[in-house]
Full PDB file with SEQRES, HELIX, SHEET, SSBOND, CRYST1, ORIGX, SCALE, CONECT and MASTER records, all heavy atoms in Angstrom:
SEQRES   1 A   43  LYS GLN ILE ARG SER TYR ARG ASP MET VAL GLY SER GLY          
SEQRES   2 A   43  SER ILE GLY THR ILE GLY SER ILE HIS ALA ASP PHE PHE          
SEQRES   3 A   43  LEU GLY ALA HIS PHE GLY GLY PHE ARG ASP ALA MET ASP          
SEQRES   4 A   43  ASN PRO LEU ILE                                              
HELIX    1 AA1 GLN A    2  GLY A   11  1                                  10    
HELIX    2 AA2 PHE A   34  ALA A   37  1                                   4    
CRYST1    1.000    1.000    1.000  90.00  90.00  90.00 P 1           1          
ORIGX1      1.000000  0.000000  0.000000        0.00000                         
ORIGX2      0.000000  1.000000  0.000000        0.00000                         
ORIGX3      0.000000  0.000000  1.000000        0.00000                         
SCALE1      1.000000  0.000000  0.000000        0.00000                         
SCALE2      0.000000  1.000000  0.000000        0.00000                         
SCALE3      0.000000  0.000000  1.000000        0.00000                         
ATOM      1  N   LYS A   1       7.065  10.442  -7.044  1.00  0.00           N  
ATOM      2  CA  LYS A   1       7.441  11.585  -6.213  1.00  0.00           C  
ATOM      3  C   LYS A   1       6.630  11.653  -4.930  1.00  0.00           C  
ATOM      4  O   LYS A   1       7.124  12.138  -3.893  1.00  0.00           O  
ATOM      5  CB  LYS A   1       7.304  12.882  -7.004  1.00  0.00           C  
ATOM      6  CG  LYS A   1       5.902  13.168  -7.502  1.00  0.00           C  
ATOM      7  CD  LYS A   1       5.874  14.382  -8.429  1.00  0.00           C  
ATOM      8  CE  LYS A   1       4.487  14.641  -8.987  1.00  0.00           C  
ATOM      9  NZ  LYS A   1       4.484  15.775  -9.951  1.00  0.00           N  
ATOM     10  N   GLN A   2       5.379  11.153  -4.969  1.00  0.00           N  
ATOM     11  CA  GLN A   2       4.550  11.251  -3.771  1.00  0.00           C  
ATOM     12  C   GLN A   2       5.028  10.312  -2.663  1.00  0.00           C  
ATOM     13  O   GLN A   2       5.124  10.708  -1.510  1.00  0.00           O  
ATOM     14  CB  GLN A   2       3.083  10.943  -4.115  1.00  0.00           C  
ATOM     15  CG  GLN A   2       2.435  11.972  -5.008  1.00  0.00           C  
ATOM     16  CD  GLN A   2       2.502  11.578  -6.478  1.00  0.00           C  
ATOM     17  OE1 GLN A   2       3.106  10.574  -6.838  1.00  0.00           O  
ATOM     18  NE2 GLN A   2       1.864  12.378  -7.325  1.00  0.00           N  
ATOM     19  N   ILE A   3       5.320   9.055  -3.010  1.00  0.00           N  
ATOM     20  CA  ILE A   3       5.739   8.128  -1.956  1.00  0.00           C  
ATOM     21  C   ILE A   3       7.119   8.503  -1.427  1.00  0.00           C  
ATOM     22  O   ILE A   3       7.415   8.331  -0.242  1.00  0.00           O  
ATOM     23  CB  ILE A   3       5.698   6.659  -2.426  1.00  0.00           C  
ATOM     24  CG1 ILE A   3       5.770   5.723  -1.211  1.00  0.00           C  
ATOM     25  CG2 ILE A   3       6.830   6.343  -3.407  1.00  0.00           C  
ATOM     26  CD1 ILE A   3       5.518   4.273  -1.530  1.00  0.00           C  
ATOM     27  N   ARG A   4       7.985   9.037  -2.289  1.00  0.00           N  
ATOM     28  CA  ARG A   4       9.297   9.493  -1.821  1.00  0.00           C  
ATOM     29  C   ARG A   4       9.124  10.661  -0.845  1.00  0.00           C  
ATOM     30  O   ARG A   4       9.810  10.747   0.172  1.00  0.00           O  
ATOM     31  CB  ARG A   4      10.159   9.892  -3.006  1.00  0.00           C  
ATOM     32  CG  ARG A   4      10.466   8.736  -3.956  1.00  0.00           C  
ATOM     33  CD  ARG A   4      11.725   8.017  -3.580  1.00  0.00           C  
ATOM     34  NE  ARG A   4      11.784   6.684  -4.183  1.00  0.00           N  
ATOM     35  CZ  ARG A   4      12.855   5.910  -4.181  1.00  0.00           C  
ATOM     36  NH1 ARG A   4      13.977   6.321  -3.620  1.00  0.00           N  
ATOM     37  NH2 ARG A   4      12.820   4.699  -4.715  1.00  0.00           N  
ATOM     38  N   SER A   5       8.197  11.562  -1.151  1.00  0.00           N  
ATOM     39  CA  SER A   5       7.906  12.671  -0.259  1.00  0.00           C  
ATOM     40  C   SER A   5       7.318  12.167   1.056  1.00  0.00           C  
ATOM     41  O   SER A   5       7.672  12.660   2.140  1.00  0.00           O  
ATOM     42  CB  SER A   5       6.929  13.636  -0.943  1.00  0.00           C  
ATOM     43  OG  SER A   5       6.552  14.674  -0.078  1.00  0.00           O  
ATOM     44  N   TYR A   6       6.427  11.178   0.971  1.00  0.00           N  
ATOM     45  CA  TYR A   6       5.790  10.626   2.166  1.00  0.00           C  
ATOM     46  C   TYR A   6       6.821   9.960   3.065  1.00  0.00           C  
ATOM     47  O   TYR A   6       6.815  10.152   4.287  1.00  0.00           O  
ATOM     48  CB  TYR A   6       4.712   9.631   1.738  1.00  0.00           C  
ATOM     49  CG  TYR A   6       3.723   9.242   2.814  1.00  0.00           C  
ATOM     50  CD1 TYR A   6       3.143  10.198   3.642  1.00  0.00           C  
ATOM     51  CD2 TYR A   6       3.342   7.921   2.984  1.00  0.00           C  
ATOM     52  CE1 TYR A   6       2.217   9.844   4.610  1.00  0.00           C  
ATOM     53  CE2 TYR A   6       2.414   7.563   3.942  1.00  0.00           C  
ATOM     54  CZ  TYR A   6       1.861   8.525   4.758  1.00  0.00           C  
ATOM     55  OH  TYR A   6       0.936   8.172   5.712  1.00  0.00           O  
ATOM     56  N   ARG A   7       7.702   9.177   2.471  1.00  0.00           N  
ATOM     57  CA  ARG A   7       8.769   8.535   3.249  1.00  0.00           C  
ATOM     58  C   ARG A   7       9.614   9.593   3.952  1.00  0.00           C  
ATOM     59  O   ARG A   7       9.958   9.445   5.135  1.00  0.00           O  
ATOM     60  CB  ARG A   7       9.649   7.683   2.344  1.00  0.00           C  
ATOM     61  CG  ARG A   7      10.778   6.984   3.090  1.00  0.00           C  
ATOM     62  CD  ARG A   7      11.789   6.358   2.161  1.00  0.00           C  
ATOM     63  NE  ARG A   7      12.465   7.357   1.328  1.00  0.00           N  
ATOM     64  CZ  ARG A   7      13.516   7.086   0.551  1.00  0.00           C  
ATOM     65  NH1 ARG A   7      14.010   5.861   0.512  1.00  0.00           N  
ATOM     66  NH2 ARG A   7      14.065   8.045  -0.172  1.00  0.00           N  
ATOM     67  N   ASP A   8       9.962  10.655   3.247  1.00  0.00           N  
ATOM     68  CA  ASP A   8      10.776  11.716   3.847  1.00  0.00           C  
ATOM     69  C   ASP A   8      10.040  12.384   5.005  1.00  0.00           C  
ATOM     70  O   ASP A   8      10.637  12.696   6.047  1.00  0.00           O  
ATOM     71  CB  ASP A   8      11.153  12.759   2.801  1.00  0.00           C  
ATOM     72  CG  ASP A   8      12.124  12.228   1.752  1.00  0.00           C  
ATOM     73  OD1 ASP A   8      12.699  11.135   1.979  1.00  0.00           O  
ATOM     74  OD2 ASP A   8      12.299  12.896   0.715  1.00  0.00           O  
ATOM     75  N   MET A   9       8.743  12.630   4.833  1.00  0.00           N  
ATOM     76  CA  MET A   9       7.960  13.258   5.893  1.00  0.00           C  
ATOM     77  C   MET A   9       7.926  12.376   7.135  1.00  0.00           C  
ATOM     78  O   MET A   9       8.160  12.835   8.266  1.00  0.00           O  
ATOM     79  CB  MET A   9       6.538  13.538   5.399  1.00  0.00           C  
ATOM     80  CG  MET A   9       5.619  14.133   6.457  1.00  0.00           C  
ATOM     81  SD  MET A   9       3.933  14.393   5.853  1.00  0.00           S  
ATOM     82  CE  MET A   9       4.188  15.782   4.750  1.00  0.00           C  
ATOM     83  N   VAL A  10       7.634  11.093   6.943  1.00  0.00           N  
ATOM     84  CA  VAL A  10       7.548  10.158   8.058  1.00  0.00           C  
ATOM     85  C   VAL A  10       8.914   9.993   8.733  1.00  0.00           C  
ATOM     86  O   VAL A  10       9.019   9.920   9.962  1.00  0.00           O  
ATOM     87  CB  VAL A  10       7.006   8.800   7.572  1.00  0.00           C  
ATOM     88  CG1 VAL A  10       7.147   7.729   8.648  1.00  0.00           C  
ATOM     89  CG2 VAL A  10       5.543   8.933   7.133  1.00  0.00           C  
ATOM     90  N   GLY A  11       9.965   9.931   7.933  1.00  0.00           N  
ATOM     91  CA  GLY A  11      11.292   9.698   8.470  1.00  0.00           C  
ATOM     92  C   GLY A  11      11.965  10.921   9.056  1.00  0.00           C  
ATOM     93  O   GLY A  11      13.003  10.795   9.728  1.00  0.00           O  
ATOM     94  N   SER A  12      11.407  12.106   8.818  1.00  0.00           N  
ATOM     95  CA  SER A  12      12.042  13.345   9.282  1.00  0.00           C  
ATOM     96  C   SER A  12      11.916  13.560  10.779  1.00  0.00           C  
ATOM     97  O   SER A  12      12.618  14.397  11.352  1.00  0.00           O  
ATOM     98  CB  SER A  12      11.416  14.542   8.562  1.00  0.00           C  
ATOM     99  OG  SER A  12      10.081  14.756   9.011  1.00  0.00           O  
ATOM    100  N   GLY A  13      11.008  12.843  11.414  1.00  0.00           N  
ATOM    101  CA  GLY A  13      10.747  13.039  12.835  1.00  0.00           C  
ATOM    102  C   GLY A  13       9.707  14.093  13.117  1.00  0.00           C  
ATOM    103  O   GLY A  13       9.363  14.352  14.279  1.00  0.00           O  
ATOM    104  N   SER A  14       9.154  14.714  12.075  1.00  0.00           N  
ATOM    105  CA  SER A  14       8.186  15.807  12.286  1.00  0.00           C  
ATOM    106  C   SER A  14       6.922  15.328  12.986  1.00  0.00           C  
ATOM    107  O   SER A  14       6.314  16.085  13.757  1.00  0.00           O  
ATOM    108  CB  SER A  14       7.839  16.475  10.960  1.00  0.00           C  
ATOM    109  OG  SER A  14       7.259  15.542  10.054  1.00  0.00           O  
ATOM    110  N   ILE A  15       6.502  14.072  12.739  1.00  0.00           N  
ATOM    111  CA  ILE A  15       5.298  13.559  13.413  1.00  0.00           C  
ATOM    112  C   ILE A  15       5.676  12.716  14.631  1.00  0.00           C  
ATOM    113  O   ILE A  15       4.826  12.061  15.232  1.00  0.00           O  
ATOM    114  CB  ILE A  15       4.394  12.756  12.455  1.00  0.00           C  
ATOM    115  CG1 ILE A  15       5.086  11.476  11.975  1.00  0.00           C  
ATOM    116  CG2 ILE A  15       3.935  13.618  11.291  1.00  0.00           C  
ATOM    117  CD1 ILE A  15       4.149  10.513  11.247  1.00  0.00           C  
ATOM    118  N   GLY A  16       6.956  12.728  14.994  1.00  0.00           N  
ATOM    119  CA  GLY A  16       7.411  11.993  16.167  1.00  0.00           C  
ATOM    120  C   GLY A  16       7.708  10.540  15.876  1.00  0.00           C  
ATOM    121  O   GLY A  16       7.946  10.140  14.734  1.00  0.00           O  
ATOM    122  N   THR A  17       7.684   9.727  16.923  1.00  0.00           N  
ATOM    123  CA  THR A  17       7.951   8.290  16.810  1.00  0.00           C  
ATOM    124  C   THR A  17       6.745   7.592  16.204  1.00  0.00           C  
ATOM    125  O   THR A  17       5.607   7.804  16.646  1.00  0.00           O  
ATOM    126  CB  THR A  17       8.251   7.686  18.193  1.00  0.00           C  
ATOM    127  OG1 THR A  17       9.373   8.362  18.761  1.00  0.00           O  
ATOM    128  CG2 THR A  17       8.564   6.198  18.079  1.00  0.00           C  
ATOM    129  N   ILE A  18       6.976   6.775  15.204  1.00  0.00           N  
ATOM    130  CA  ILE A  18       5.881   6.073  14.536  1.00  0.00           C  
ATOM    131  C   ILE A  18       5.244   5.051  15.471  1.00  0.00           C  
ATOM    132  O   ILE A  18       5.933   4.220  16.071  1.00  0.00           O  
ATOM    133  CB  ILE A  18       6.377   5.367  13.266  1.00  0.00           C  
ATOM    134  CG1 ILE A  18       6.912   6.387  12.257  1.00  0.00           C  
ATOM    135  CG2 ILE A  18       5.254   4.543  12.631  1.00  0.00           C  
ATOM    136  CD1 ILE A  18       7.579   5.758  11.050  1.00  0.00           C  
ATOM    137  N   GLY A  19       3.910   5.122  15.575  1.00  0.00           N  
ATOM    138  CA  GLY A  19       3.183   4.148  16.374  1.00  0.00           C  
ATOM    139  C   GLY A  19       2.457   3.124  15.513  1.00  0.00           C  
ATOM    140  O   GLY A  19       2.421   1.935  15.828  1.00  0.00           O  
ATOM    141  N   SER A  20       1.896   3.606  14.399  1.00  0.00           N  
ATOM    142  CA  SER A  20       1.175   2.682  13.518  1.00  0.00           C  
ATOM    143  C   SER A  20       1.166   3.215  12.101  1.00  0.00           C  
ATOM    144  O   SER A  20       1.295   4.414  11.870  1.00  0.00           O  
ATOM    145  CB  SER A  20      -0.260   2.458  14.005  1.00  0.00           C  
ATOM    146  OG  SER A  20      -0.999   3.675  13.963  1.00  0.00           O  
ATOM    147  N   ILE A  21       0.998   2.300  11.164  1.00  0.00           N  
ATOM    148  CA  ILE A  21       0.881   2.640   9.749  1.00  0.00           C  
ATOM    149  C   ILE A  21      -0.270   1.809   9.187  1.00  0.00           C  
ATOM    150  O   ILE A  21      -0.401   0.613   9.498  1.00  0.00           O  
ATOM    151  CB  ILE A  21       2.211   2.385   8.994  1.00  0.00           C  
ATOM    152  CG1 ILE A  21       2.051   2.683   7.498  1.00  0.00           C  
ATOM    153  CG2 ILE A  21       2.739   0.990   9.232  1.00  0.00           C  
ATOM    154  CD1 ILE A  21       3.369   2.700   6.737  1.00  0.00           C  
ATOM    155  N   HIS A  22      -1.102   2.465   8.382  1.00  0.00           N  
ATOM    156  CA  HIS A  22      -2.326   1.822   7.897  1.00  0.00           C  
ATOM    157  C   HIS A  22      -2.463   2.027   6.395  1.00  0.00           C  
ATOM    158  O   HIS A  22      -2.209   3.118   5.882  1.00  0.00           O  
ATOM    159  CB  HIS A  22      -3.545   2.423   8.597  1.00  0.00           C  
ATOM    160  CG  HIS A  22      -3.417   2.464  10.086  1.00  0.00           C  
ATOM    161  ND1 HIS A  22      -3.754   1.398  10.894  1.00  0.00           N  
ATOM    162  CD2 HIS A  22      -2.950   3.437  10.908  1.00  0.00           C  
ATOM    163  CE1 HIS A  22      -3.511   1.712  12.153  1.00  0.00           C  
ATOM    164  NE2 HIS A  22      -3.024   2.948  12.194  1.00  0.00           N  
ATOM    165  N   ALA A  23      -2.860   0.971   5.695  1.00  0.00           N  
ATOM    166  CA  ALA A  23      -3.054   1.044   4.249  1.00  0.00           C  
ATOM    167  C   ALA A  23      -4.389   0.404   3.871  1.00  0.00           C  
ATOM    168  O   ALA A  23      -4.697  -0.711   4.301  1.00  0.00           O  
ATOM    169  CB  ALA A  23      -1.919   0.338   3.514  1.00  0.00           C  
ATOM    170  N   ASP A  24      -5.161   1.127   3.074  1.00  0.00           N  
ATOM    171  CA  ASP A  24      -6.402   0.597   2.497  1.00  0.00           C  
ATOM    172  C   ASP A  24      -6.219   0.461   0.998  1.00  0.00           C  
ATOM    173  O   ASP A  24      -5.737   1.387   0.332  1.00  0.00           O  
ATOM    174  CB  ASP A  24      -7.576   1.542   2.758  1.00  0.00           C  
ATOM    175  CG  ASP A  24      -8.094   1.441   4.176  1.00  0.00           C  
ATOM    176  OD1 ASP A  24      -7.749   0.467   4.875  1.00  0.00           O  
ATOM    177  OD2 ASP A  24      -8.843   2.347   4.595  1.00  0.00           O  
ATOM    178  N   PHE A  25      -6.623  -0.701   0.467  1.00  0.00           N  
ATOM    179  CA  PHE A  25      -6.530  -0.951  -0.969  1.00  0.00           C  
ATOM    180  C   PHE A  25      -7.832  -1.602  -1.416  1.00  0.00           C  
ATOM    181  O   PHE A  25      -8.120  -2.750  -1.045  1.00  0.00           O  
ATOM    182  CB  PHE A  25      -5.340  -1.870  -1.275  1.00  0.00           C  
ATOM    183  CG  PHE A  25      -5.221  -2.251  -2.728  1.00  0.00           C  
ATOM    184  CD1 PHE A  25      -4.514  -1.443  -3.616  1.00  0.00           C  
ATOM    185  CD2 PHE A  25      -5.826  -3.410  -3.220  1.00  0.00           C  
ATOM    186  CE1 PHE A  25      -4.423  -1.788  -4.964  1.00  0.00           C  
ATOM    187  CE2 PHE A  25      -5.741  -3.755  -4.556  1.00  0.00           C  
ATOM    188  CZ  PHE A  25      -5.033  -2.942  -5.432  1.00  0.00           C  
ATOM    189  N   PHE A  26      -8.625  -0.882  -2.193  1.00  0.00           N  
ATOM    190  CA  PHE A  26      -9.915  -1.405  -2.662  1.00  0.00           C  
ATOM    191  C   PHE A  26     -10.096  -1.071  -4.135  1.00  0.00           C  
ATOM    192  O   PHE A  26     -10.271   0.089  -4.510  1.00  0.00           O  
ATOM    193  CB  PHE A  26     -11.069  -0.820  -1.839  1.00  0.00           C  
ATOM    194  CG  PHE A  26     -11.066  -1.260  -0.408  1.00  0.00           C  
ATOM    195  CD1 PHE A  26     -10.503  -0.465   0.584  1.00  0.00           C  
ATOM    196  CD2 PHE A  26     -11.597  -2.489  -0.044  1.00  0.00           C  
ATOM    197  CE1 PHE A  26     -10.487  -0.876   1.909  1.00  0.00           C  
ATOM    198  CE2 PHE A  26     -11.591  -2.918   1.279  1.00  0.00           C  
ATOM    199  CZ  PHE A  26     -11.032  -2.107   2.261  1.00  0.00           C  
ATOM    200  N   LEU A  27     -10.045  -2.114  -4.963  1.00  0.00           N  
ATOM    201  CA  LEU A  27     -10.239  -1.964  -6.402  1.00  0.00           C  
ATOM    202  C   LEU A  27     -11.049  -3.147  -6.937  1.00  0.00           C  
ATOM    203  O   LEU A  27     -10.965  -4.263  -6.411  1.00  0.00           O  
ATOM    204  CB  LEU A  27      -8.895  -1.907  -7.131  1.00  0.00           C  
ATOM    205  CG  LEU A  27      -8.128  -0.582  -7.076  1.00  0.00           C  
ATOM    206  CD1 LEU A  27      -6.728  -0.765  -7.621  1.00  0.00           C  
ATOM    207  CD2 LEU A  27      -8.851   0.492  -7.878  1.00  0.00           C  
ATOM    208  N   GLY A  28     -11.795  -2.904  -7.998  1.00  0.00           N  
ATOM    209  CA  GLY A  28     -12.511  -3.981  -8.681  1.00  0.00           C  
ATOM    210  C   GLY A  28     -11.788  -4.299  -9.974  1.00  0.00           C  
ATOM    211  O   GLY A  28     -12.117  -3.721 -11.017  1.00  0.00           O  
ATOM    212  N   ALA A  29     -10.817  -5.191  -9.913  1.00  0.00           N  
ATOM    213  CA  ALA A  29      -9.940  -5.455 -11.060  1.00  0.00           C  
ATOM    214  C   ALA A  29     -10.395  -6.712 -11.807  1.00  0.00           C  
ATOM    215  O   ALA A  29     -10.239  -7.825 -11.315  1.00  0.00           O  
ATOM    216  CB  ALA A  29      -8.492  -5.626 -10.580  1.00  0.00           C  
ATOM    217  N   HIS A  30     -10.948  -6.516 -12.992  1.00  0.00           N  
ATOM    218  CA  HIS A  30     -11.456  -7.627 -13.803  1.00  0.00           C  
ATOM    219  C   HIS A  30     -10.393  -8.029 -14.829  1.00  0.00           C  
ATOM    220  O   HIS A  30     -10.470  -7.664 -15.999  1.00  0.00           O  
ATOM    221  CB  HIS A  30     -12.758  -7.223 -14.501  1.00  0.00           C  
ATOM    222  CG  HIS A  30     -13.881  -6.933 -13.550  1.00  0.00           C  
ATOM    223  ND1 HIS A  30     -14.898  -7.831 -13.299  1.00  0.00           N  
ATOM    224  CD2 HIS A  30     -14.141  -5.851 -12.773  1.00  0.00           C  
ATOM    225  CE1 HIS A  30     -15.744  -7.308 -12.430  1.00  0.00           C  
ATOM    226  NE2 HIS A  30     -15.295  -6.100 -12.087  1.00  0.00           N  
ATOM    227  N   PHE A  31      -9.400  -8.784 -14.379  1.00  0.00           N  
ATOM    228  CA  PHE A  31      -8.287  -9.156 -15.252  1.00  0.00           C  
ATOM    229  C   PHE A  31      -8.650 -10.253 -16.249  1.00  0.00           C  
ATOM    230  O   PHE A  31      -8.330 -10.191 -17.414  1.00  0.00           O  
ATOM    231  CB  PHE A  31      -7.096  -9.664 -14.421  1.00  0.00           C  
ATOM    232  CG  PHE A  31      -6.388  -8.607 -13.641  1.00  0.00           C  
ATOM    233  CD1 PHE A  31      -6.571  -8.503 -12.271  1.00  0.00           C  
ATOM    234  CD2 PHE A  31      -5.525  -7.720 -14.256  1.00  0.00           C  
ATOM    235  CE1 PHE A  31      -5.901  -7.540 -11.539  1.00  0.00           C  
ATOM    236  CE2 PHE A  31      -4.853  -6.754 -13.538  1.00  0.00           C  
ATOM    237  CZ  PHE A  31      -5.047  -6.668 -12.173  1.00  0.00           C  
ATOM    238  N   GLY A  32      -9.284 -11.318 -15.741  1.00  0.00           N  
ATOM    239  CA  GLY A  32      -9.339 -12.557 -16.509  1.00  0.00           C  
ATOM    240  C   GLY A  32      -7.958 -13.202 -16.447  1.00  0.00           C  
ATOM    241  O   GLY A  32      -7.008 -12.634 -15.905  1.00  0.00           O  
ATOM    242  N   GLY A  33      -7.828 -14.403 -16.962  1.00  0.00           N  
ATOM    243  CA  GLY A  33      -6.512 -15.029 -16.986  1.00  0.00           C  
ATOM    244  C   GLY A  33      -6.114 -15.680 -15.674  1.00  0.00           C  
ATOM    245  O   GLY A  33      -6.970 -16.038 -14.849  1.00  0.00           O  
ATOM    246  N   PHE A  34      -4.798 -15.807 -15.450  1.00  0.00           N  
ATOM    247  CA  PHE A  34      -4.286 -16.625 -14.349  1.00  0.00           C  
ATOM    248  C   PHE A  34      -4.691 -16.093 -12.973  1.00  0.00           C  
ATOM    249  O   PHE A  34      -4.877 -16.874 -12.039  1.00  0.00           O  
ATOM    250  CB  PHE A  34      -2.763 -16.785 -14.448  1.00  0.00           C  
ATOM    251  CG  PHE A  34      -1.960 -15.551 -14.097  1.00  0.00           C  
ATOM    252  CD1 PHE A  34      -1.537 -15.323 -12.791  1.00  0.00           C  
ATOM    253  CD2 PHE A  34      -1.605 -14.625 -15.072  1.00  0.00           C  
ATOM    254  CE1 PHE A  34      -0.794 -14.199 -12.464  1.00  0.00           C  
ATOM    255  CE2 PHE A  34      -0.856 -13.509 -14.753  1.00  0.00           C  
ATOM    256  CZ  PHE A  34      -0.447 -13.285 -13.437  1.00  0.00           C  
ATOM    257  N   ARG A  35      -4.843 -14.785 -12.815  1.00  0.00           N  
ATOM    258  CA  ARG A  35      -5.181 -14.239 -11.502  1.00  0.00           C  
ATOM    259  C   ARG A  35      -6.551 -14.732 -11.031  1.00  0.00           C  
ATOM    260  O   ARG A  35      -6.750 -14.986  -9.841  1.00  0.00           O  
ATOM    261  CB  ARG A  35      -5.154 -12.711 -11.539  1.00  0.00           C  
ATOM    262  CG  ARG A  35      -3.765 -12.115 -11.735  1.00  0.00           C  
ATOM    263  CD  ARG A  35      -3.829 -10.600 -11.828  1.00  0.00           C  
ATOM    264  NE  ARG A  35      -2.521  -9.995 -12.033  1.00  0.00           N  
ATOM    265  CZ  ARG A  35      -1.965  -9.801 -13.219  1.00  0.00           C  
ATOM    266  NH1 ARG A  35      -2.618 -10.178 -14.321  1.00  0.00           N  
ATOM    267  NH2 ARG A  35      -0.773  -9.246 -13.323  1.00  0.00           N  
ATOM    268  N   ASP A  36      -7.480 -14.855 -11.951  1.00  0.00           N  
ATOM    269  CA  ASP A  36      -8.827 -15.291 -11.577  1.00  0.00           C  
ATOM    270  C   ASP A  36      -8.839 -16.708 -11.021  1.00  0.00           C  
ATOM    271  O   ASP A  36      -9.778 -17.088 -10.310  1.00  0.00           O  
ATOM    272  CB  ASP A  36      -9.764 -15.219 -12.788  1.00  0.00           C  
ATOM    273  CG  ASP A  36     -10.172 -13.798 -13.136  1.00  0.00           C  
ATOM    274  OD1 ASP A  36      -9.571 -12.857 -12.575  1.00  0.00           O  
ATOM    275  OD2 ASP A  36     -11.067 -13.621 -13.981  1.00  0.00           O  
ATOM    276  N   ALA A  37      -7.820 -17.492 -11.340  1.00  0.00           N  
ATOM    277  CA  ALA A  37      -7.767 -18.889 -10.900  1.00  0.00           C  
ATOM    278  C   ALA A  37      -6.858 -19.109  -9.696  1.00  0.00           C  
ATOM    279  O   ALA A  37      -6.829 -20.207  -9.145  1.00  0.00           O  
ATOM    280  CB  ALA A  37      -7.309 -19.778 -12.057  1.00  0.00           C  
ATOM    281  N   MET A  38      -6.113 -18.087  -9.266  1.00  0.00           N  
ATOM    282  CA  MET A  38      -5.176 -18.238  -8.156  1.00  0.00           C  
ATOM    283  C   MET A  38      -5.903 -18.470  -6.834  1.00  0.00           C  
ATOM    284  O   MET A  38      -7.023 -18.000  -6.637  1.00  0.00           O  
ATOM    285  CB  MET A  38      -4.284 -16.993  -8.035  1.00  0.00           C  
ATOM    286  CG  MET A  38      -3.292 -16.813  -9.159  1.00  0.00           C  
ATOM    287  SD  MET A  38      -2.380 -15.230  -9.038  1.00  0.00           S  
ATOM    288  CE  MET A  38      -1.394 -15.533  -7.549  1.00  0.00           C  
ATOM    289  N   ASP A  39      -5.239 -19.184  -5.903  1.00  0.00           N  
ATOM    290  CA  ASP A  39      -5.808 -19.394  -4.571  1.00  0.00           C  
ATOM    291  C   ASP A  39      -5.796 -18.115  -3.749  1.00  0.00           C  
ATOM    292  O   ASP A  39      -6.709 -17.873  -2.963  1.00  0.00           O  
ATOM    293  CB  ASP A  39      -5.032 -20.484  -3.826  1.00  0.00           C  
ATOM    294  CG  ASP A  39      -5.233 -21.865  -4.419  1.00  0.00           C  
ATOM    295  OD1 ASP A  39      -6.275 -22.098  -5.055  1.00  0.00           O  
ATOM    296  OD2 ASP A  39      -4.336 -22.721  -4.238  1.00  0.00           O  
ATOM    297  N   ASN A  40      -4.756 -17.305  -3.888  1.00  0.00           N  
ATOM    298  CA  ASN A  40      -4.586 -16.096  -3.073  1.00  0.00           C  
ATOM    299  C   ASN A  40      -4.234 -14.909  -3.973  1.00  0.00           C  
ATOM    300  O   ASN A  40      -3.137 -14.346  -3.873  1.00  0.00           O  
ATOM    301  CB  ASN A  40      -3.476 -16.288  -2.040  1.00  0.00           C  
ATOM    302  CG  ASN A  40      -3.521 -17.637  -1.350  1.00  0.00           C  
ATOM    303  OD1 ASN A  40      -2.880 -18.585  -1.798  1.00  0.00           O  
ATOM    304  ND2 ASN A  40      -4.280 -17.717  -0.281  1.00  0.00           N  
ATOM    305  N   PRO A  41      -5.133 -14.530  -4.877  1.00  0.00           N  
ATOM    306  CA  PRO A  41      -4.763 -13.526  -5.883  1.00  0.00           C  
ATOM    307  C   PRO A  41      -4.381 -12.174  -5.295  1.00  0.00           C  
ATOM    308  O   PRO A  41      -3.416 -11.555  -5.742  1.00  0.00           O  
ATOM    309  CB  PRO A  41      -6.017 -13.423  -6.758  1.00  0.00           C  
ATOM    310  CG  PRO A  41      -7.134 -13.904  -5.882  1.00  0.00           C  
ATOM    311  CD  PRO A  41      -6.529 -14.975  -5.030  1.00  0.00           C  
ATOM    312  N   LEU A  42      -5.111 -11.707  -4.291  1.00  0.00           N  
ATOM    313  CA  LEU A  42      -4.807 -10.391  -3.720  1.00  0.00           C  
ATOM    314  C   LEU A  42      -3.473 -10.403  -2.994  1.00  0.00           C  
ATOM    315  O   LEU A  42      -2.589  -9.579  -3.266  1.00  0.00           O  
ATOM    316  CB  LEU A  42      -5.916  -9.963  -2.763  1.00  0.00           C  
ATOM    317  CG  LEU A  42      -5.627  -8.650  -2.013  1.00  0.00           C  
ATOM    318  CD1 LEU A  42      -5.722  -7.464  -2.958  1.00  0.00           C  
ATOM    319  CD2 LEU A  42      -6.556  -8.483  -0.821  1.00  0.00           C  
ATOM    320  N   ILE A  43      -3.306 -11.335  -2.066  1.00  0.00           N  
ATOM    321  CA  ILE A  43      -2.112 -11.343  -1.219  1.00  0.00           C  
ATOM    322  C   ILE A  43      -0.858 -11.614  -2.042  1.00  0.00           C  
ATOM    323  O   ILE A  43       0.151 -10.908  -1.919  1.00  0.00           O  
ATOM    324  CB  ILE A  43      -2.250 -12.392  -0.103  1.00  0.00           C  
ATOM    325  CG1 ILE A  43      -3.341 -11.976   0.890  1.00  0.00           C  
ATOM    326  CG2 ILE A  43      -0.920 -12.573   0.633  1.00  0.00           C  
ATOM    327  CD1 ILE A  43      -3.040 -10.741   1.683  1.00  0.00           C  
TER     328      ILE A  43                                                      
MASTER        0    0    0    2    0    0    0    6  327    1    0    4          
END                                                                             
């Protein structure tokens, strides 16, 4: 419900024309397994 609300807010024109969008993602994920061996696990 939050991302659907966010999309509606951004798309409504209330903040005007979009100039930039920014996302931060920071987690310490200790999976083990195939992800630990991947060349580009995050991307």
